[in-house]
N, C-alpha and C. Protein backbone atom coordinates (compact mmCIF):
# COMPACT_ATOMS: atom_id res chain seq x y z
N MET A 1 34.15 25.32 121.76
CA MET A 1 35.11 24.72 122.51
C MET A 1 36.20 25.13 122.87
N PHE A 2 37.01 24.93 121.72
CA PHE A 2 38.34 24.97 121.95
C PHE A 2 38.32 27.03 121.83
N LYS A 3 37.90 27.84 121.06
CA LYS A 3 37.39 28.99 121.08
C LYS A 3 37.38 29.53 122.66
N ASP A 4 36.07 28.38 122.82
CA ASP A 4 35.90 29.83 124.70
C ASP A 4 37.71 29.27 125.57
N LEU A 5 38.08 28.03 125.55
CA LEU A 5 39.89 27.60 126.49
C LEU A 5 40.20 28.48 125.83
N VAL A 6 40.77 29.15 124.58
CA VAL A 6 41.70 30.52 124.08
C VAL A 6 41.31 31.67 124.95
N LYS A 7 39.71 31.72 124.80
CA LYS A 7 39.12 33.35 125.37
C LYS A 7 39.43 32.81 127.21
N GLN A 8 39.90 32.05 127.77
CA GLN A 8 40.10 32.01 129.25
C GLN A 8 40.70 31.49 129.21
N ASN A 9 42.14 31.67 128.02
CA ASN A 9 43.39 31.05 129.18
C ASN A 9 43.84 32.44 128.88
N ARG A 10 44.30 33.29 129.78
CA ARG A 10 44.93 34.52 129.80
C ARG A 10 46.47 34.35 130.87
N SER A 11 46.71 35.58 130.76
CA SER A 11 48.25 35.52 131.54
C SER A 11 47.69 36.52 132.86
N TYR A 12 47.18 34.85 134.22
CA TYR A 12 47.31 35.43 134.98
C TYR A 12 47.89 35.49 136.53
N ARG A 13 47.74 37.11 137.03
CA ARG A 13 48.88 37.12 138.28
C ARG A 13 48.54 37.00 139.09
N GLY A 14 47.35 36.47 139.51
CA GLY A 14 45.94 36.42 141.04
C GLY A 14 46.02 34.99 140.84
N TYR A 15 46.31 34.43 142.46
CA TYR A 15 45.56 32.75 142.39
C TYR A 15 45.51 32.37 143.57
N ASP A 16 44.65 31.50 143.62
CA ASP A 16 44.14 31.24 144.84
C ASP A 16 44.44 29.98 145.35
N GLU A 17 45.27 30.21 146.45
CA GLU A 17 46.64 29.93 147.16
C GLU A 17 46.69 29.16 148.15
N SER A 18 44.79 28.44 147.81
CA SER A 18 43.93 27.53 149.25
C SER A 18 43.74 26.21 148.12
N ARG A 19 43.97 26.41 146.42
CA ARG A 19 44.08 25.20 145.95
C ARG A 19 45.34 25.38 145.07
N LYS A 20 46.09 24.08 146.13
CA LYS A 20 47.11 23.45 145.80
C LYS A 20 47.31 22.96 144.10
N VAL A 21 48.11 22.47 143.31
CA VAL A 21 48.19 22.05 142.10
C VAL A 21 49.18 20.49 142.81
N THR A 22 48.71 20.03 141.78
CA THR A 22 49.23 18.25 142.42
C THR A 22 50.55 18.01 141.43
N ARG A 23 51.23 17.58 141.56
CA ARG A 23 52.18 16.59 140.56
C ARG A 23 51.43 16.02 139.86
N GLU A 24 50.77 15.27 140.00
CA GLU A 24 50.21 14.44 138.57
C GLU A 24 49.53 15.51 138.13
N GLU A 25 48.38 16.83 138.67
CA GLU A 25 47.92 17.20 137.67
C GLU A 25 49.24 18.08 136.55
N LEU A 26 50.73 18.82 136.79
CA LEU A 26 51.42 18.79 136.41
C LEU A 26 51.78 17.81 135.33
N LEU A 27 52.15 16.62 135.90
CA LEU A 27 52.35 15.22 134.90
C LEU A 27 51.18 15.48 134.01
N ASP A 28 50.13 15.26 134.37
CA ASP A 28 49.07 15.00 132.49
C ASP A 28 49.33 16.20 131.88
N LEU A 29 49.74 18.11 132.52
CA LEU A 29 50.09 18.71 131.52
C LEU A 29 51.41 18.75 130.48
N VAL A 30 52.59 18.22 131.38
CA VAL A 30 53.42 18.43 130.38
C VAL A 30 53.59 16.78 129.19
N ASP A 31 52.16 15.72 129.85
CA ASP A 31 51.98 14.82 129.00
C ASP A 31 51.69 15.28 127.42
N CYS A 32 50.65 16.48 127.79
CA CYS A 32 49.49 17.27 126.32
C CYS A 32 51.16 17.82 125.76
N ALA A 33 52.09 18.29 126.82
CA ALA A 33 53.19 18.94 126.29
C ALA A 33 54.32 17.87 125.63
N ARG A 34 54.69 17.08 125.68
CA ARG A 34 55.36 16.51 124.81
C ARG A 34 55.39 15.75 123.57
N LEU A 35 53.17 15.50 123.06
CA LEU A 35 52.66 15.41 122.34
C LEU A 35 52.65 16.31 121.17
N THR A 36 53.24 17.71 121.88
CA THR A 36 52.52 17.95 120.31
C THR A 36 54.23 18.50 119.08
N PRO A 37 53.96 18.83 117.81
CA PRO A 37 54.99 19.04 117.63
C PRO A 37 56.38 19.81 117.72
N SER A 38 57.71 19.04 117.51
CA SER A 38 58.89 19.44 117.87
C SER A 38 59.92 20.02 116.53
N SER A 39 60.53 20.87 116.08
CA SER A 39 61.27 21.16 115.29
C SER A 39 62.18 19.86 114.75
N VAL A 40 61.98 19.41 113.48
CA VAL A 40 62.23 18.26 113.04
C VAL A 40 62.75 16.85 113.88
N ASN A 41 61.14 16.89 115.16
CA ASN A 41 61.41 16.28 115.61
C ASN A 41 62.17 15.25 116.50
N ARG A 42 62.95 16.98 117.43
CA ARG A 42 64.13 16.96 118.22
C ARG A 42 64.27 16.11 119.30
N GLN A 43 62.88 17.13 119.74
CA GLN A 43 62.65 17.31 121.06
C GLN A 43 63.45 17.34 122.27
N PRO A 44 64.47 18.51 121.85
CA PRO A 44 64.70 18.52 123.35
C PRO A 44 64.39 19.58 124.23
N LEU A 45 62.96 19.44 124.49
CA LEU A 45 62.16 20.19 126.34
C LEU A 45 62.23 19.59 126.94
N ARG A 46 62.71 19.54 128.26
CA ARG A 46 62.75 19.10 129.63
C ARG A 46 61.52 19.74 130.29
N TYR A 47 61.32 19.37 131.59
CA TYR A 47 60.57 20.01 132.27
C TYR A 47 60.62 19.78 134.04
N TYR A 48 60.69 20.94 134.60
CA TYR A 48 60.95 21.17 135.92
C TYR A 48 59.90 21.06 136.72
N LEU A 49 59.41 20.46 137.23
CA LEU A 49 58.22 20.24 138.01
C LEU A 49 58.16 21.02 139.52
N ALA A 50 57.66 21.67 139.80
CA ALA A 50 57.54 22.20 141.31
C ALA A 50 55.83 22.57 142.02
N TRP A 51 55.59 21.77 142.99
CA TRP A 51 54.06 21.72 143.37
C TRP A 51 54.86 22.33 145.07
N GLU A 52 55.97 21.78 145.40
CA GLU A 52 55.79 21.62 147.13
C GLU A 52 56.13 23.20 146.98
N LYS A 53 55.69 23.59 148.41
CA LYS A 53 55.95 25.13 148.68
C LYS A 53 57.07 25.76 148.51
N GLU A 54 58.00 24.63 148.95
CA GLU A 54 59.17 25.29 148.95
C GLU A 54 59.83 25.99 147.63
N LYS A 55 59.66 24.94 147.15
CA LYS A 55 60.07 25.76 145.21
C LYS A 55 59.23 25.69 144.53
N VAL A 56 58.35 26.08 145.34
CA VAL A 56 57.50 27.07 144.13
C VAL A 56 57.72 28.80 144.91
N ASP A 57 57.83 28.84 146.17
CA ASP A 57 58.37 29.65 146.63
C ASP A 57 59.61 30.41 146.49
N ARG A 58 60.79 29.11 146.03
CA ARG A 58 62.06 29.89 146.04
C ARG A 58 62.05 30.23 143.49
N ILE A 59 61.39 29.50 143.37
CA ILE A 59 60.96 29.89 141.62
C ILE A 59 60.21 31.39 141.90
N GLN A 60 58.77 31.20 142.12
CA GLN A 60 58.48 32.52 142.86
C GLN A 60 59.23 34.14 143.35
N SER A 61 60.81 33.23 143.48
CA SER A 61 61.55 34.86 144.16
C SER A 61 62.40 35.19 142.89
N LEU A 62 62.47 34.02 142.13
CA LEU A 62 63.56 34.15 141.24
C LEU A 62 63.14 34.92 139.65
N THR A 63 61.43 35.11 139.80
CA THR A 63 61.11 35.91 138.61
C THR A 63 60.28 37.38 139.13
N LYS A 64 59.85 37.77 137.74
CA LYS A 64 59.13 39.57 138.19
C LYS A 64 58.49 39.00 136.97
N TRP A 65 56.95 40.12 137.88
CA TRP A 65 56.26 39.94 136.79
C TRP A 65 55.28 41.30 136.27
N ALA A 66 54.69 40.86 135.24
CA ALA A 66 53.74 42.81 134.43
C ALA A 66 54.93 43.79 134.50
N ALA A 67 56.04 43.65 133.32
CA ALA A 67 56.95 44.37 133.21
C ALA A 67 55.71 45.99 132.99
N ALA A 68 54.31 45.63 132.28
CA ALA A 68 54.10 46.84 131.64
C ALA A 68 53.08 47.63 132.54
N LEU A 69 53.57 47.32 133.81
CA LEU A 69 52.57 47.61 135.52
C LEU A 69 54.18 47.88 136.55
N PRO A 70 54.66 48.54 136.06
CA PRO A 70 55.79 49.06 137.25
C PRO A 70 55.52 49.78 138.37
N ASP A 71 54.69 50.30 138.77
CA ASP A 71 53.93 50.83 139.93
C ASP A 71 53.62 49.63 140.66
N MET A 72 53.20 48.53 140.28
CA MET A 72 51.76 47.86 140.94
C MET A 72 52.97 46.57 141.64
N THR A 73 53.36 45.51 142.16
CA THR A 73 53.51 44.35 143.04
C THR A 73 52.60 43.38 142.61
N LEU A 74 52.53 42.24 141.51
CA LEU A 74 52.33 41.41 141.55
C LEU A 74 53.14 39.64 140.92
N PRO A 75 52.09 38.97 141.38
CA PRO A 75 51.13 38.55 142.24
C PRO A 75 50.96 39.39 143.88
N HIS A 76 49.52 40.10 144.13
CA HIS A 76 49.64 40.78 145.31
C HIS A 76 49.92 39.03 146.15
N PRO A 77 50.30 39.71 147.17
CA PRO A 77 50.74 39.27 148.27
C PRO A 77 49.38 37.78 148.38
N GLY A 78 49.86 36.97 149.19
CA GLY A 78 48.61 35.68 149.29
C GLY A 78 48.23 35.49 147.60
N MET A 79 48.93 35.84 146.68
CA MET A 79 48.05 35.92 145.71
C MET A 79 48.91 35.40 144.75
N CYS A 80 49.75 33.92 144.77
CA CYS A 80 50.64 33.41 143.88
C CYS A 80 50.38 32.07 143.28
N PRO A 81 51.00 31.96 142.26
CA PRO A 81 50.74 30.19 142.18
C PRO A 81 51.09 29.37 142.81
N THR A 82 50.41 28.40 142.88
CA THR A 82 50.61 27.46 143.99
C THR A 82 51.62 25.99 143.16
N ALA A 83 52.10 26.05 141.46
CA ALA A 83 52.99 25.52 140.95
C ALA A 83 53.75 25.92 139.97
N PHE A 84 54.70 25.19 139.38
CA PHE A 84 55.38 25.99 138.12
C PHE A 84 55.64 24.83 137.58
N ILE A 85 55.80 25.00 136.59
CA ILE A 85 56.22 24.63 135.35
C ILE A 85 57.91 25.12 134.66
N VAL A 86 59.12 24.81 134.67
CA VAL A 86 60.21 25.61 134.09
C VAL A 86 60.58 24.42 133.07
N ILE A 87 60.67 24.74 131.55
CA ILE A 87 60.56 24.17 129.98
C ILE A 87 61.91 24.69 130.28
N CYS A 88 62.94 23.50 129.94
CA CYS A 88 64.22 24.00 129.87
C CYS A 88 64.68 23.01 128.90
N GLN A 89 65.99 23.74 127.61
CA GLN A 89 65.96 22.93 126.69
C GLN A 89 67.00 21.89 127.05
N ASP A 90 67.14 20.87 126.75
CA ASP A 90 68.30 20.27 126.90
C ASP A 90 69.39 20.73 125.69
N LYS A 91 70.86 21.45 125.77
CA LYS A 91 71.64 21.50 125.04
C LYS A 91 72.21 20.82 124.24
N LYS A 92 71.87 19.50 125.04
CA LYS A 92 72.82 18.16 124.13
C LYS A 92 72.22 17.66 123.21
N LEU A 93 70.66 17.83 123.28
CA LEU A 93 70.17 17.61 121.58
C LEU A 93 69.82 18.48 121.11
N ALA A 94 69.62 20.43 121.26
CA ALA A 94 69.68 20.65 120.31
C ALA A 94 70.30 22.19 120.82
N PRO A 95 71.78 22.62 120.51
CA PRO A 95 72.28 23.76 120.76
C PRO A 95 72.19 24.98 120.82
N THR A 96 70.83 25.67 120.13
CA THR A 96 70.48 26.72 119.24
C THR A 96 68.82 26.58 120.04
N PRO A 97 68.53 27.90 120.01
CA PRO A 97 67.38 27.77 121.07
C PRO A 97 66.18 27.62 120.21
N PHE A 98 65.26 26.24 120.56
CA PHE A 98 64.28 25.61 119.89
C PHE A 98 62.51 26.45 120.20
N LEU A 99 62.62 28.04 120.19
CA LEU A 99 61.73 29.20 120.47
C LEU A 99 60.55 28.42 120.02
N LYS A 100 60.51 28.42 118.49
CA LYS A 100 59.19 28.00 118.66
C LYS A 100 58.22 26.70 119.15
N ASP A 101 59.18 25.72 119.27
CA ASP A 101 58.91 24.37 120.39
C ASP A 101 58.25 24.83 122.11
N VAL A 102 59.38 26.13 122.51
CA VAL A 102 58.85 26.19 123.38
C VAL A 102 57.26 27.11 123.30
N GLY A 103 57.11 27.99 122.34
CA GLY A 103 55.84 28.51 122.52
C GLY A 103 54.85 27.51 122.28
N ILE A 104 55.11 26.46 121.60
CA ILE A 104 54.15 25.13 121.52
C ILE A 104 53.89 24.59 122.93
N ALA A 105 54.97 23.99 123.45
CA ALA A 105 54.49 23.77 124.59
C ALA A 105 54.05 24.08 125.55
N ALA A 106 54.43 25.65 125.78
CA ALA A 106 54.14 26.65 127.08
C ALA A 106 52.82 26.69 126.69
N GLN A 107 52.22 27.14 125.10
CA GLN A 107 50.73 27.09 125.22
C GLN A 107 49.48 25.90 125.29
N THR A 108 49.93 25.09 124.92
CA THR A 108 49.34 23.55 125.28
C THR A 108 49.62 23.08 127.03
N ILE A 109 49.88 23.53 127.74
CA ILE A 109 50.58 23.18 128.69
C ILE A 109 48.95 24.48 129.39
N LEU A 110 49.11 25.94 128.91
CA LEU A 110 47.92 26.55 129.33
C LEU A 110 46.72 25.95 128.77
N LEU A 111 46.23 25.57 128.21
CA LEU A 111 45.08 25.66 127.75
C LEU A 111 44.61 24.42 128.16
N ALA A 112 45.63 23.09 128.32
CA ALA A 112 45.21 21.93 129.28
C ALA A 112 45.15 22.45 130.65
N ALA A 113 45.76 23.32 131.11
CA ALA A 113 45.32 23.81 132.51
C ALA A 113 43.78 24.72 132.60
N VAL A 114 43.79 25.71 131.83
CA VAL A 114 42.79 26.39 131.77
C VAL A 114 41.32 24.58 131.47
N GLU A 115 41.41 23.91 130.71
CA GLU A 115 40.33 22.62 130.93
C GLU A 115 40.35 21.84 132.00
N LYS A 116 40.97 22.17 133.51
CA LYS A 116 41.16 21.37 134.39
C LYS A 116 40.82 22.51 135.39
N GLY A 117 40.23 24.01 134.68
CA GLY A 117 39.87 24.54 135.66
C GLY A 117 41.12 25.79 136.45
N LEU A 118 41.99 25.80 135.94
CA LEU A 118 43.30 26.36 136.58
C LEU A 118 43.62 27.01 135.07
N GLY A 119 45.00 28.25 135.61
CA GLY A 119 45.22 28.89 134.21
C GLY A 119 46.74 28.98 134.71
N GLY A 120 47.34 29.63 133.92
CA GLY A 120 48.36 30.31 134.28
C GLY A 120 49.51 31.25 134.05
N CYS A 121 50.08 31.87 133.65
CA CYS A 121 51.35 32.44 133.32
C CYS A 121 52.57 32.68 132.28
N MET A 122 53.10 32.87 131.32
CA MET A 122 53.94 32.07 130.54
C MET A 122 55.30 33.43 131.01
N ILE A 123 55.90 33.13 132.35
CA ILE A 123 57.14 34.72 132.94
C ILE A 123 58.63 34.08 131.89
N GLY A 124 59.10 35.17 130.94
CA GLY A 124 60.11 35.40 130.82
C GLY A 124 61.20 36.02 131.06
N ASN A 125 60.45 37.10 132.36
CA ASN A 125 61.43 37.85 132.90
C ASN A 125 62.08 36.82 134.42
N TYR A 126 63.73 36.18 134.10
CA TYR A 126 64.10 35.62 135.56
C TYR A 126 65.59 35.66 134.48
N ASN A 127 66.16 35.62 135.61
CA ASN A 127 68.02 35.49 135.07
C ASN A 127 68.09 33.51 134.74
N ALA A 128 68.21 32.94 134.06
CA ALA A 128 68.12 31.67 133.31
C ALA A 128 69.41 31.39 134.01
N LYS A 129 70.35 31.61 134.14
CA LYS A 129 72.33 31.14 134.86
C LYS A 129 70.99 31.18 135.80
N THR A 130 71.17 32.07 136.89
CA THR A 130 70.18 32.40 138.16
C THR A 130 69.20 30.85 138.43
N VAL A 131 68.36 30.72 137.93
CA VAL A 131 66.76 29.93 138.10
C VAL A 131 67.88 28.44 137.77
N GLN A 132 68.80 28.89 136.85
CA GLN A 132 69.46 27.05 136.43
C GLN A 132 70.28 26.35 138.07
N GLU A 133 71.43 27.75 138.41
CA GLU A 133 71.81 27.22 139.80
C GLU A 133 70.81 26.93 140.89
N LYS A 134 70.59 27.83 141.08
CA LYS A 134 68.82 27.92 142.43
C LYS A 134 68.49 26.37 142.34
N LEU A 135 67.26 25.49 141.06
CA LEU A 135 67.16 24.58 141.00
C LEU A 135 67.89 23.34 140.90
N ASP A 136 69.57 23.48 140.99
CA ASP A 136 70.33 22.73 140.58
C ASP A 136 70.04 22.02 139.36
N LEU A 137 70.13 22.47 138.77
CA LEU A 137 69.91 21.90 137.34
C LEU A 137 70.95 21.78 136.55
N PRO A 138 70.61 20.30 135.64
CA PRO A 138 72.28 19.69 135.04
C PRO A 138 72.60 21.77 133.95
N GLU A 139 74.30 21.57 134.22
CA GLU A 139 74.74 22.80 132.54
C GLU A 139 73.89 22.44 131.21
N ASN A 140 73.77 21.07 131.03
CA ASN A 140 73.51 21.04 129.72
C ASN A 140 71.42 21.71 129.51
N MET A 141 70.63 21.89 131.43
CA MET A 141 69.96 22.29 130.85
C MET A 141 69.17 24.00 130.74
N GLU A 142 68.69 24.41 130.07
CA GLU A 142 68.70 25.86 129.67
C GLU A 142 67.29 26.12 130.30
N PRO A 143 67.04 27.02 131.13
CA PRO A 143 65.96 26.98 130.97
C PRO A 143 65.68 28.99 130.64
N MET A 144 64.45 27.93 129.39
CA MET A 144 64.05 29.10 128.50
C MET A 144 62.28 29.50 129.14
N LEU A 145 61.98 29.39 129.37
CA LEU A 145 60.68 29.90 130.06
C LEU A 145 60.11 28.96 131.53
N ILE A 146 59.11 29.99 131.97
CA ILE A 146 58.82 29.64 133.47
C ILE A 146 57.41 29.79 133.39
N VAL A 147 56.65 29.02 133.37
CA VAL A 147 54.91 29.05 133.37
C VAL A 147 54.30 28.47 135.00
N ALA A 148 53.64 29.86 135.35
CA ALA A 148 52.89 29.47 136.52
C ALA A 148 51.79 28.89 136.40
N ILE A 149 51.31 28.68 137.46
CA ILE A 149 49.34 27.43 137.14
C ILE A 149 49.39 27.92 138.47
N GLY A 150 48.01 27.95 138.59
CA GLY A 150 47.24 28.09 139.92
C GLY A 150 45.82 27.76 139.67
N LYS A 151 45.17 28.30 140.59
CA LYS A 151 44.00 28.38 140.04
C LYS A 151 43.33 30.20 139.72
N PRO A 152 43.18 30.14 139.67
CA PRO A 152 42.69 32.57 138.91
C PRO A 152 41.72 32.79 140.01
N ALA A 153 42.23 33.93 140.39
CA ALA A 153 41.62 34.66 141.14
C ALA A 153 41.36 36.17 141.33
N GLU A 154 41.24 35.66 139.81
CA GLU A 154 41.78 37.32 139.73
C GLU A 154 40.33 37.81 138.18
N GLN A 155 39.90 38.98 137.97
CA GLN A 155 39.34 38.66 136.44
C GLN A 155 39.73 39.26 135.63
N VAL A 156 40.34 38.42 134.70
CA VAL A 156 40.81 39.42 133.79
C VAL A 156 39.81 39.74 131.78
N VAL A 157 39.31 40.65 131.49
CA VAL A 157 38.45 41.17 130.80
C VAL A 157 39.43 41.60 129.46
N LEU A 158 39.00 40.87 128.59
CA LEU A 158 39.22 41.73 127.19
C LEU A 158 38.53 42.47 126.36
N THR A 159 39.84 43.78 126.44
CA THR A 159 38.01 44.42 125.49
C THR A 159 39.23 45.03 124.02
N GLU A 160 38.90 46.08 123.44
CA GLU A 160 39.41 45.97 121.62
C GLU A 160 39.97 47.21 121.79
N VAL A 161 41.48 47.11 121.28
CA VAL A 161 41.91 48.30 121.59
C VAL A 161 41.60 49.28 120.78
N GLY A 162 41.83 50.64 121.11
CA GLY A 162 41.40 51.74 120.74
C GLY A 162 42.05 52.53 119.56
N GLU A 163 41.27 53.90 119.48
CA GLU A 163 41.82 54.89 118.35
C GLU A 163 43.05 54.60 118.68
N ASP A 164 43.49 55.12 119.08
CA ASP A 164 45.34 55.38 119.13
C ASP A 164 46.34 54.27 119.30
N GLY A 165 45.50 53.18 119.45
CA GLY A 165 46.79 51.87 118.52
C GLY A 165 46.82 51.47 120.26
N ASN A 166 46.97 51.56 121.17
CA ASN A 166 47.87 51.32 122.14
C ASN A 166 47.23 49.88 122.62
N THR A 167 48.36 48.99 122.67
CA THR A 167 48.17 47.90 123.56
C THR A 167 48.27 46.68 124.86
N ALA A 168 48.96 48.34 125.14
CA ALA A 168 49.00 47.61 126.95
C ALA A 168 47.42 47.54 128.15
N TYR A 169 48.14 46.61 128.67
CA TYR A 169 47.21 45.93 129.27
C TYR A 169 47.33 47.07 131.19
N TYR A 170 46.35 46.96 131.39
CA TYR A 170 46.04 47.73 132.94
C TYR A 170 44.89 47.39 133.82
N ARG A 171 45.10 47.96 134.47
CA ARG A 171 44.03 48.04 135.87
C ARG A 171 43.41 49.22 136.30
N ASP A 172 41.96 48.55 136.45
CA ASP A 172 41.09 49.49 137.49
C ASP A 172 41.28 49.52 138.62
N SER A 173 40.47 50.67 139.17
CA SER A 173 40.77 50.67 140.71
C SER A 173 39.89 49.99 141.71
N GLN A 174 38.73 48.62 140.97
CA GLN A 174 38.98 47.90 141.12
C GLN A 174 39.31 46.18 141.29
N ASP A 175 40.99 46.52 140.54
CA ASP A 175 42.34 45.63 140.02
C ASP A 175 41.48 44.81 138.95
N VAL A 176 41.18 44.73 138.49
CA VAL A 176 40.32 44.02 137.25
C VAL A 176 41.89 44.26 135.86
N HIS A 177 41.71 43.36 135.57
CA HIS A 177 42.91 43.58 134.46
C HIS A 177 42.00 43.35 133.18
N TYR A 178 42.69 44.49 132.46
CA TYR A 178 42.24 45.01 131.08
C TYR A 178 43.24 44.70 130.09
N VAL A 179 43.07 43.60 128.45
CA VAL A 179 43.85 43.10 127.55
C VAL A 179 43.49 43.83 126.71
N PRO A 180 43.46 44.76 125.98
CA PRO A 180 43.32 45.17 124.63
C PRO A 180 44.00 44.19 123.24
N LYS A 181 42.70 43.98 122.85
CA LYS A 181 42.82 42.77 121.72
C LYS A 181 42.24 43.42 120.45
N ARG A 182 43.40 43.62 118.67
CA ARG A 182 43.43 44.10 117.98
C ARG A 182 41.87 43.24 117.35
N LYS A 183 41.28 43.94 116.14
CA LYS A 183 39.95 43.68 115.80
C LYS A 183 40.62 42.18 114.95
N LEU A 184 39.65 41.43 114.87
CA LEU A 184 40.03 40.64 113.75
C LEU A 184 41.01 41.58 112.63
N GLU A 185 39.70 42.43 111.57
CA GLU A 185 40.21 42.54 110.47
C GLU A 185 41.44 43.16 110.14
N ASP A 186 42.05 43.61 111.98
CA ASP A 186 43.32 44.95 111.72
C ASP A 186 44.31 43.28 111.62
N VAL A 187 43.98 42.38 112.15
CA VAL A 187 45.52 41.31 111.80
C VAL A 187 45.52 40.23 110.47
N ILE A 188 44.42 40.51 109.99
CA ILE A 188 44.37 40.09 108.34
C ILE A 188 45.17 40.89 107.24
N LEU A 189 46.29 40.39 106.98
CA LEU A 189 47.11 41.05 105.34
C LEU A 189 45.89 40.89 104.12
């Protein structure tokens, strides 16, 4: 069952905007994340939740999606996520980045979202200072990663990396998103 959740946990870039994500659902996702391991158990991560349309739209405008598809605007109009979680680090608790903690928390959030029939996308393409200012975050709260959350409304297909070794994701003429993955034997040393 866990492997099925991992396979379903894709970087979705298209959502059903009619399915709103609630504050309670976001709280449950963060509750899962707060229980994960933390480097030296410092627990410096804090979470900004956005489920109201105004805040969601504000965050959406601060992000850039799918850098590997520069000729395409994603999400497509009318297919934006209906919630965001901005993972921040309290620099008073940990002045240097706890990147492992951020990754563990984000993956946990997304796996918990999949279990609820939702999906998401980790977004690292944004200006942290601008996000901090636009969300009125305290100076010591540094945005580390933005996680989009919503009900996926696109098809994502895992494929094997071809003979050329190209791992770039792509879309076909029907807007199906393909994600090449290396074979198990190719990743074992």
